[in-house]
């Protein structure tokens, strides 16, 4: 299960954007985002680098957790 830190995630709209980016790669993914910790956990069969790249392409910084 990939876990990322997304320091630019500051609001519910950001959570939706990150979730939508992940789901564009894997529509069946389960995304759990915590605004307080900026932590995003993803249950997905897609490769972690592809998921991170999708979040970056959506305009967010992605760091390893």
C-alpha atoms as a PDB file:
ATOM      1  CA  UNK A   1       0.000   0.000   0.000  1.00  0.00           C
ATOM      2  CA  UNK A   2       1.660   3.238  -1.103  1.00  0.00           C
ATOM      3  CA  UNK A   3       1.776   6.007   1.484  1.00  0.00           C
ATOM      4  CA  UNK A   4       2.722   9.534   0.465  1.00  0.00           C
ATOM      5  CA  UNK A   5       3.041  12.919   2.103  1.00  0.00           C
ATOM      6  CA  UNK A   6       1.352  15.662   0.102  1.00  0.00           C
ATOM      7  CA  UNK A   7       2.364  18.913   1.827  1.00  0.00           C
ATOM      8  CA  UNK A   8       0.372  21.078  -0.627  1.00  0.00           C
ATOM      9  CA  UNK A   9      -2.908  19.391   0.363  1.00  0.00           C
ATOM     10  CA  UNK A  10      -4.659  22.072   2.429  1.00  0.00           C
ATOM     11  CA  UNK A  11      -8.415  21.690   1.937  1.00  0.00           C
ATOM     12  CA  UNK A  12     -11.229  19.321   1.003  1.00  0.00           C
ATOM     13  CA  UNK A  13     -10.880  20.419  -2.611  1.00  0.00           C
ATOM     14  CA  UNK A  14      -7.265  19.271  -2.545  1.00  0.00           C
ATOM     15  CA  UNK A  15      -8.341  15.912  -1.133  1.00  0.00           C
ATOM     16  CA  UNK A  16     -10.828  15.537  -3.996  1.00  0.00           C
ATOM     17  CA  UNK A  17      -8.184  16.498  -6.564  1.00  0.00           C
ATOM     18  CA  UNK A  18      -5.681  13.980  -5.155  1.00  0.00           C
ATOM     19  CA  UNK A  19      -8.359  11.281  -5.001  1.00  0.00           C
ATOM     20  CA  UNK A  20      -9.465  11.966  -8.572  1.00  0.00           C
ATOM     21  CA  UNK A  21      -5.862  11.852  -9.798  1.00  0.00           C
ATOM     22  CA  UNK A  22      -5.334   8.461  -8.189  1.00  0.00           C
ATOM     23  CA  UNK A  23      -8.643   7.137  -9.506  1.00  0.00           C
ATOM     24  CA  UNK A  24      -7.681   8.224 -13.027  1.00  0.00           C
ATOM     25  CA  UNK A  25      -4.884   5.647 -12.791  1.00  0.00           C
ATOM     26  CA  UNK A  26      -6.870   2.990 -10.888  1.00  0.00           C
ATOM     27  CA  UNK A  27     -10.612   3.495 -10.689  1.00  0.00           C
ATOM     28  CA  UNK A  28     -10.907   0.823  -7.996  1.00  0.00           C
ATOM     29  CA  UNK A  29      -8.321   2.427  -5.695  1.00  0.00           C
ATOM     30  CA  UNK A  30      -9.256   3.297  -2.133  1.00  0.00           C
ATOM     31  CA  UNK A  31      -7.739   6.624  -1.063  1.00  0.00           C
ATOM     32  CA  UNK A  32      -7.490   7.754   2.557  1.00  0.00           C
ATOM     33  CA  UNK A  33      -6.223  11.315   2.949  1.00  0.00           C
ATOM     34  CA  UNK A  34      -5.604  13.048   6.282  1.00  0.00           C
ATOM     35  CA  UNK A  35      -5.417  16.846   6.008  1.00  0.00           C
ATOM     36  CA  UNK A  36      -3.902  17.232   9.477  1.00  0.00           C
ATOM     37  CA  UNK A  37      -0.885  15.046   8.704  1.00  0.00           C
ATOM     38  CA  UNK A  38      -0.889  15.592   4.895  1.00  0.00           C
ATOM     39  CA  UNK A  39      -0.677  11.797   4.635  1.00  0.00           C
ATOM     40  CA  UNK A  40      -2.310   9.862   1.784  1.00  0.00           C
ATOM     41  CA  UNK A  41      -2.679   6.074   1.941  1.00  0.00           C
ATOM     42  CA  UNK A  42      -3.704   4.290  -1.228  1.00  0.00           C
ATOM     43  CA  UNK A  43      -4.982   0.725  -1.644  1.00  0.00           C
ATOM     44  CA  UNK A  44      -4.335   0.039  -5.311  1.00  0.00           C
ATOM     45  CA  UNK A  45      -2.971  -2.537  -7.701  1.00  0.00           C
ATOM     46  CA  UNK A  46      -1.231   0.239  -9.668  1.00  0.00           C
ATOM     47  CA  UNK A  47       2.479   0.869  -9.190  1.00  0.00           C
ATOM     48  CA  UNK A  48       3.378   3.494  -6.584  1.00  0.00           C
ATOM     49  CA  UNK A  49       5.448   5.586  -9.037  1.00  0.00           C
ATOM     50  CA  UNK A  50       2.473   5.849 -11.410  1.00  0.00           C
ATOM     51  CA  UNK A  51       0.212   6.961  -8.570  1.00  0.00           C
ATOM     52  CA  UNK A  52       2.744   9.533  -7.357  1.00  0.00           C
ATOM     53  CA  UNK A  53       3.159  10.870 -10.893  1.00  0.00           C
ATOM     54  CA  UNK A  54      -0.614  11.278 -11.263  1.00  0.00           C
ATOM     55  CA  UNK A  55      -0.758  13.303  -8.046  1.00  0.00           C
ATOM     56  CA  UNK A  56       2.180  15.436  -9.232  1.00  0.00           C
ATOM     57  CA  UNK A  57       0.463  15.975 -12.578  1.00  0.00           C
ATOM     58  CA  UNK A  58      -2.546  17.268 -10.622  1.00  0.00           C
ATOM     59  CA  UNK A  59      -0.280  20.010  -9.240  1.00  0.00           C
ATOM     60  CA  UNK A  60       0.829  18.613  -5.883  1.00  0.00           C
ATOM     61  CA  UNK A  61       4.177  17.860  -4.311  1.00  0.00           C
ATOM     62  CA  UNK A  62       4.568  14.193  -3.396  1.00  0.00           C
ATOM     63  CA  UNK A  63       7.072  12.888  -0.849  1.00  0.00           C
ATOM     64  CA  UNK A  64       7.717   9.420   0.504  1.00  0.00           C
ATOM     65  CA  UNK A  65       6.115   8.891   3.905  1.00  0.00           C
END
